[in-house]
């Protein structure tokens, strides 16, 4: 007859099992995040490759804001640069079915679609499906994106508030209500760039040193959509991940803070450069160096 385990022996077994779980579980989670991080990097690279294929075909970068008629909101044709990439990312079906650039956002059958290369696998909120809780498109189900175009680093600065005067005090960005960096950015993508074409010849810093797009994870109270132009770009005026993904408040509550780059990855985020390479950036990057990589001007 076999002897039953004593209470002490049972507690020892439970303790050993708990210890093993404490050792193994973090390793499993880390391995999963490493895999998701690699997939995220590849998705962003596909976005960059599609952008450069667009450039090769048309001789310019896609505009950050395509307004064919109307202003903003569901009855406008304010399609984003990401929407224009669909034919160059093997999604002609969605581009044609959604009548991108021809239909208004309200009319389009593409608005609610999720596009796999626009999503980071580490973002469980985006992977749940389209959302309908943002500003101009309130109540409409809209596909999300984790990647946005880089407007540069001058968002929120105007003639009375230059970046050089602000220095590293990013919290002062935009308190004067300036839209200068939004409508006339010093990076590749910005809202009103349909008024001025940008191409490789404008990238004076070199294609391997200049940011094209980066991670900008949607927040719980503010999503980022791929079809709508107002949701498709962000700024390097403030440090990366300085406004947390889980955050609901911004200080000050102004667009540069709302539209800074951020991710669900611990310690940093990915940026695609103009040569379609993708780099990992630490949250601890020097702010001046970070801003310099976001602009197309040489010598900064």
Protein backbone atom coordinates (compact mmCIF):
# COMPACT_ATOMS: atom_id res chain seq x y z
CA UNK A 1 0.00 0.00 0.00
CA UNK A 2 1.41 3.36 -1.08
CA UNK A 3 1.85 6.03 1.54
CA UNK A 4 -0.09 9.26 0.97
CA UNK A 5 1.71 12.59 0.84
CA UNK A 6 1.96 14.42 4.10
CA UNK A 7 0.87 18.03 4.43
CA UNK A 8 4.50 19.13 4.50
CA UNK A 9 5.36 17.17 1.36
CA UNK A 10 2.30 18.56 -0.41
CA UNK A 11 3.28 22.11 0.51
CA UNK A 12 6.80 21.46 -0.81
CA UNK A 13 5.39 20.21 -4.14
CA UNK A 14 3.10 23.25 -4.41
CA UNK A 15 5.99 25.58 -3.59
CA UNK A 16 8.19 23.99 -6.25
CA UNK A 17 5.38 24.21 -8.81
CA UNK A 18 4.81 27.86 -7.94
CA UNK A 19 8.52 28.60 -8.23
CA UNK A 20 8.68 26.94 -11.63
CA UNK A 21 5.69 28.97 -12.81
CA UNK A 22 7.31 32.17 -11.55
CA UNK A 23 10.42 31.33 -13.58
CA UNK A 24 8.78 29.98 -16.73
CA UNK A 25 5.83 32.38 -17.16
CA UNK A 26 7.88 35.60 -17.57
CA UNK A 27 10.14 33.80 -20.04
CA UNK A 28 7.12 32.67 -22.06
CA UNK A 29 5.65 36.18 -22.00
CA UNK A 30 8.98 37.66 -23.05
CA UNK A 31 9.26 35.17 -25.92
CA UNK A 32 5.77 36.07 -27.08
CA UNK A 33 6.52 39.79 -26.94
CA UNK A 34 9.76 39.23 -28.86
CA UNK A 35 7.77 37.48 -31.58
CA UNK A 36 5.12 40.22 -31.63
CA UNK A 37 7.82 42.88 -31.73
CA UNK A 38 9.45 41.22 -34.74
CA UNK A 39 6.07 41.05 -36.52
CA UNK A 40 5.47 44.72 -35.73
CA UNK A 41 8.84 45.63 -37.22
CA UNK A 42 8.02 43.66 -40.36
CA UNK A 43 4.59 45.31 -40.70
CA UNK A 44 6.10 48.78 -40.46
CA UNK A 45 8.72 47.79 -43.02
CA UNK A 46 5.91 46.71 -45.39
CA UNK A 47 4.32 50.13 -44.93
CA UNK A 48 7.64 51.80 -45.76
CA UNK A 49 8.21 49.58 -48.80
CA UNK A 50 4.71 50.35 -50.10
CA UNK A 51 5.41 54.06 -49.61
CA UNK A 52 8.62 53.88 -51.60
CA UNK A 53 6.94 51.82 -54.33
CA UNK A 54 4.34 54.59 -54.52
CA UNK A 55 7.19 57.11 -54.79
CA UNK A 56 8.87 55.11 -57.57
CA UNK A 57 5.61 54.96 -59.52
CA UNK A 58 4.60 58.61 -59.07
CA UNK A 59 7.82 60.46 -58.41
CA UNK A 60 6.68 61.79 -55.03
CA UNK A 61 5.57 60.72 -51.59
CA UNK A 62 1.85 60.24 -51.00
CA UNK A 63 0.21 63.35 -49.66
CA UNK A 64 -0.55 63.32 -45.96
CA UNK A 65 -4.02 64.70 -46.57
CA UNK A 66 -6.15 64.08 -49.67
CA UNK A 67 -9.15 66.41 -49.65
CA UNK A 68 -11.07 66.11 -52.91
CA UNK A 69 -14.18 67.81 -51.59
CA UNK A 70 -15.38 69.07 -48.24
CA UNK A 71 -13.36 69.70 -45.12
CA UNK A 72 -13.24 67.24 -42.24
CA UNK A 73 -15.60 64.60 -40.96
CA UNK A 74 -17.61 61.76 -42.50
CA UNK A 75 -18.92 63.76 -45.45
CA UNK A 76 -15.44 64.76 -46.60
CA UNK A 77 -13.08 62.92 -48.90
CA UNK A 78 -10.23 63.47 -46.48
CA UNK A 79 -8.37 60.24 -47.27
CA UNK A 80 -5.00 59.63 -45.66
CA UNK A 81 -1.64 58.71 -47.16
CA UNK A 82 -2.09 55.19 -45.77
CA UNK A 83 -5.27 54.79 -47.81
CA UNK A 84 -3.31 55.68 -50.95
CA UNK A 85 -0.84 52.88 -50.23
CA UNK A 86 -3.40 50.09 -50.59
CA UNK A 87 -2.69 49.32 -54.29
CA UNK A 88 1.04 49.20 -53.48
CA UNK A 89 0.49 46.86 -50.52
CA UNK A 90 -1.41 44.20 -52.47
CA UNK A 91 -4.80 45.50 -51.34
CA UNK A 92 -6.23 46.67 -54.67
CA UNK A 93 -9.43 44.88 -53.71
CA UNK A 94 -10.01 47.14 -50.73
CA UNK A 95 -8.93 50.26 -52.61
CA UNK A 96 -11.41 49.58 -55.43
CA UNK A 97 -14.25 48.32 -53.25
CA UNK A 98 -13.89 51.32 -50.94
CA UNK A 99 -13.69 53.80 -53.82
CA UNK A 100 -10.80 55.44 -52.03
CA UNK A 101 -10.40 59.06 -53.07
CA UNK A 102 -13.74 59.07 -54.88
CA UNK A 103 -16.29 58.29 -52.19
CA UNK A 104 -16.73 60.30 -49.02
CA UNK A 105 -15.69 58.57 -45.84
CA UNK A 106 -19.34 57.98 -44.98
CA UNK A 107 -20.03 56.38 -48.37
CA UNK A 108 -16.96 54.14 -48.49
CA UNK A 109 -17.16 50.41 -47.91
CA UNK A 110 -13.51 50.41 -46.86
CA UNK A 111 -13.84 52.58 -43.77
CA UNK A 112 -14.41 49.77 -41.25
CA UNK A 113 -11.83 47.34 -42.64
CA UNK A 114 -8.77 46.31 -40.64
CA UNK A 115 -5.54 46.07 -42.69
CA UNK A 116 -3.08 43.59 -41.21
CA UNK A 117 0.13 45.49 -42.03
CA UNK A 118 -1.25 48.61 -40.33
CA UNK A 119 -1.56 46.83 -36.96
CA UNK A 120 0.94 45.99 -34.24
CA UNK A 121 0.42 42.50 -32.75
CA UNK A 122 1.26 43.85 -29.28
CA UNK A 123 -1.78 46.15 -29.32
CA UNK A 124 -4.72 44.10 -28.11
CA UNK A 125 -7.11 47.05 -28.43
CA UNK A 126 -6.47 47.58 -32.15
CA UNK A 127 -6.71 43.86 -32.85
CA UNK A 128 -10.23 43.73 -31.43
CA UNK A 129 -11.60 45.39 -34.55
CA UNK A 130 -12.78 48.77 -35.83
CA UNK A 131 -13.83 51.46 -33.37
CA UNK A 132 -16.39 54.24 -33.52
CA UNK A 133 -15.53 56.63 -30.73
CA UNK A 134 -13.39 59.39 -32.18
CA UNK A 135 -14.05 63.06 -32.83
CA UNK A 136 -14.97 63.88 -36.42
CA UNK A 137 -16.10 60.30 -37.19
CA UNK A 138 -18.06 59.71 -33.97
CA UNK A 139 -20.36 56.71 -34.23
CA UNK A 140 -18.78 55.32 -37.40
CA UNK A 141 -16.83 52.05 -37.28
CA UNK A 142 -13.35 52.81 -38.59
CA UNK A 143 -10.33 50.55 -39.09
CA UNK A 144 -7.33 51.34 -36.92
CA UNK A 145 -3.62 51.77 -37.46
CA UNK A 146 -0.58 51.63 -35.20
CA UNK A 147 1.64 53.45 -37.69
CA UNK A 148 1.61 57.14 -38.59
CA UNK A 149 3.54 59.43 -40.88
CA UNK A 150 6.20 61.70 -39.38
CA UNK A 151 5.25 65.38 -39.70
CA UNK A 152 8.61 66.52 -38.38
CA UNK A 153 9.38 68.26 -35.11
CA UNK A 154 7.97 71.79 -35.43
CA UNK A 155 4.37 71.02 -34.53
CA UNK A 156 3.17 73.67 -32.11
CA UNK A 157 5.92 76.18 -32.82
CA UNK A 158 5.36 79.43 -34.69
CA UNK A 159 7.21 82.72 -35.16
CA UNK A 160 6.85 83.56 -31.47
CA UNK A 161 7.69 80.08 -30.20
CA UNK A 162 10.57 78.42 -32.02
CA UNK A 163 11.94 75.03 -31.06
CA UNK A 164 15.32 76.60 -30.37
CA UNK A 165 13.71 78.82 -27.74
CA UNK A 166 11.80 75.96 -26.17
CA UNK A 167 14.88 73.77 -25.89
CA UNK A 168 13.96 70.53 -24.19
CA UNK A 169 10.92 71.90 -22.38
CA UNK A 170 8.49 69.95 -24.54
CA UNK A 171 5.61 70.64 -22.14
CA UNK A 172 5.39 74.15 -23.59
CA UNK A 173 4.73 72.83 -27.07
CA UNK A 174 1.56 74.17 -28.63
CA UNK A 175 0.34 76.26 -25.73
CA UNK A 176 0.15 79.24 -28.06
CA UNK A 177 -2.42 77.44 -30.22
CA UNK A 178 -0.15 77.26 -33.28
CA UNK A 179 -0.96 74.91 -36.14
CA UNK A 180 2.26 75.74 -38.03
CA UNK A 181 3.79 72.29 -37.68
CA UNK A 182 0.46 70.68 -38.51
CA UNK A 183 -0.14 72.56 -41.75
CA UNK A 184 3.50 73.14 -42.70
CA UNK A 185 5.61 70.41 -41.14
CA UNK A 186 9.36 70.01 -41.51
CA UNK A 187 9.12 66.24 -42.02
CA UNK A 188 7.94 63.93 -44.81
CA UNK A 189 4.20 63.95 -44.00
CA UNK A 190 1.95 66.76 -42.81
CA UNK A 191 -1.68 67.73 -43.15
CA UNK A 192 -1.55 70.30 -45.94
CA UNK A 193 1.27 68.81 -48.01
CA UNK A 194 -1.10 68.40 -50.96
CA UNK A 195 -0.21 72.05 -51.61
CA UNK A 196 3.48 71.23 -52.03
CA UNK A 197 4.90 68.00 -53.44
CA UNK A 198 7.68 66.26 -51.55
CA UNK A 199 10.03 63.71 -53.05
CA UNK A 200 13.40 62.12 -52.37
CA UNK A 201 15.22 65.21 -53.59
CA UNK A 202 13.85 67.12 -50.62
CA UNK A 203 15.38 64.69 -48.10
CA UNK A 204 18.66 66.51 -47.47
CA UNK A 205 19.63 64.55 -44.36
CA UNK A 206 19.85 61.28 -46.30
CA UNK A 207 17.31 58.49 -46.65
CA UNK A 208 18.99 56.30 -44.03
CA UNK A 209 18.84 59.05 -41.40
CA UNK A 210 15.34 60.46 -41.88
CA UNK A 211 12.14 59.11 -40.32
CA UNK A 212 9.25 58.27 -42.61
CA UNK A 213 6.74 56.68 -40.24
CA UNK A 214 6.62 55.37 -36.71
CA UNK A 215 4.52 53.62 -34.12
CA UNK A 216 1.65 55.63 -32.66
CA UNK A 217 -0.55 53.25 -30.72
CA UNK A 218 -4.21 54.23 -30.32
CA UNK A 219 -5.20 55.16 -26.81
CA UNK A 220 -8.24 53.88 -24.99
CA UNK A 221 -10.04 57.17 -25.39
CA UNK A 222 -8.61 58.14 -28.77
CA UNK A 223 -8.11 55.74 -31.64
CA UNK A 224 -5.94 56.21 -34.71
CA UNK A 225 -7.55 55.25 -38.02
CA UNK A 226 -5.88 54.46 -41.34
CA UNK A 227 -8.56 55.87 -43.71
CA UNK A 228 -8.96 59.33 -42.18
CA UNK A 229 -6.28 61.94 -42.82
CA UNK A 230 -6.61 63.61 -39.42
CA UNK A 231 -5.58 60.34 -37.75
CA UNK A 232 -2.61 59.39 -39.92
CA UNK A 233 0.39 61.40 -38.75
CA UNK A 234 2.19 62.34 -35.54
CA UNK A 235 5.01 64.59 -34.34
CA UNK A 236 8.49 64.14 -32.91
CA UNK A 237 8.25 67.50 -31.13
CA UNK A 238 7.83 65.64 -27.84
CA UNK A 239 9.75 62.56 -26.65
CA UNK A 240 8.55 59.07 -27.60
CA UNK A 241 6.21 57.27 -25.21
CA UNK A 242 6.06 60.33 -22.96
CA UNK A 243 2.26 60.30 -23.06
CA UNK A 244 1.37 56.73 -22.03
CA UNK A 245 -0.89 54.57 -24.14
CA UNK A 246 -3.19 54.08 -21.17
CA UNK A 247 -3.29 57.82 -20.52
CA UNK A 248 -6.48 59.81 -20.69
CA UNK A 249 -5.18 63.28 -19.87
CA UNK A 250 -2.60 65.45 -21.60
CA UNK A 251 -0.66 68.33 -20.11
CA UNK A 252 -1.16 70.68 -21.80
CA UNK A 253 -4.19 69.27 -23.64
CA UNK A 254 -2.94 70.22 -27.10
CA UNK A 255 -2.36 68.35 -30.33
CA UNK A 256 1.41 67.85 -30.14
CA UNK A 257 0.93 65.99 -26.86
CA UNK A 258 -2.03 63.99 -28.12
CA UNK A 259 -0.17 63.09 -31.32
CA UNK A 260 3.23 62.02 -30.07
CA UNK A 261 4.66 58.62 -31.06
CA UNK A 262 4.10 55.75 -28.61
CA UNK A 263 3.91 51.97 -28.52
CA UNK A 264 2.91 48.95 -26.43
CA UNK A 265 6.50 47.65 -26.43
CA UNK A 266 8.47 48.07 -23.19
CA UNK A 267 11.28 50.62 -23.41
CA UNK A 268 10.90 51.97 -26.92
CA UNK A 269 9.28 51.82 -30.34
CA UNK A 270 9.98 51.29 -34.05
CA UNK A 271 10.53 53.90 -36.75
CA UNK A 272 10.79 53.31 -40.49
CA UNK A 273 13.30 55.43 -42.36
CA UNK A 274 13.00 56.70 -45.90
CA UNK A 275 15.19 53.87 -47.22
CA UNK A 276 12.52 51.45 -45.85
CA UNK A 277 14.80 50.20 -43.07
CA UNK A 278 13.26 49.96 -39.60
CA UNK A 279 15.07 50.99 -36.42
CA UNK A 280 14.32 50.39 -32.75
CA UNK A 281 14.50 53.59 -30.68
CA UNK A 282 14.85 53.68 -26.93
CA UNK A 283 12.56 55.92 -24.91
CA UNK A 284 15.75 57.44 -23.50
CA UNK A 285 16.90 58.88 -26.85
CA UNK A 286 18.22 62.43 -26.67
CA UNK A 287 15.37 64.79 -27.61
CA UNK A 288 17.51 66.94 -29.91
CA UNK A 289 18.71 63.86 -31.81
CA UNK A 290 15.15 62.52 -31.98
CA UNK A 291 13.84 65.77 -33.44
CA UNK A 292 16.69 65.94 -35.94
CA UNK A 293 15.84 62.52 -37.39
CA UNK A 294 12.26 63.67 -37.95
CA UNK A 295 13.15 66.56 -40.27
CA UNK A 296 14.17 66.48 -43.91
CA UNK A 297 16.54 69.46 -43.68
CA UNK A 298 20.25 68.79 -43.83
CA UNK A 299 22.74 69.61 -41.12
CA UNK A 300 20.52 69.26 -38.06
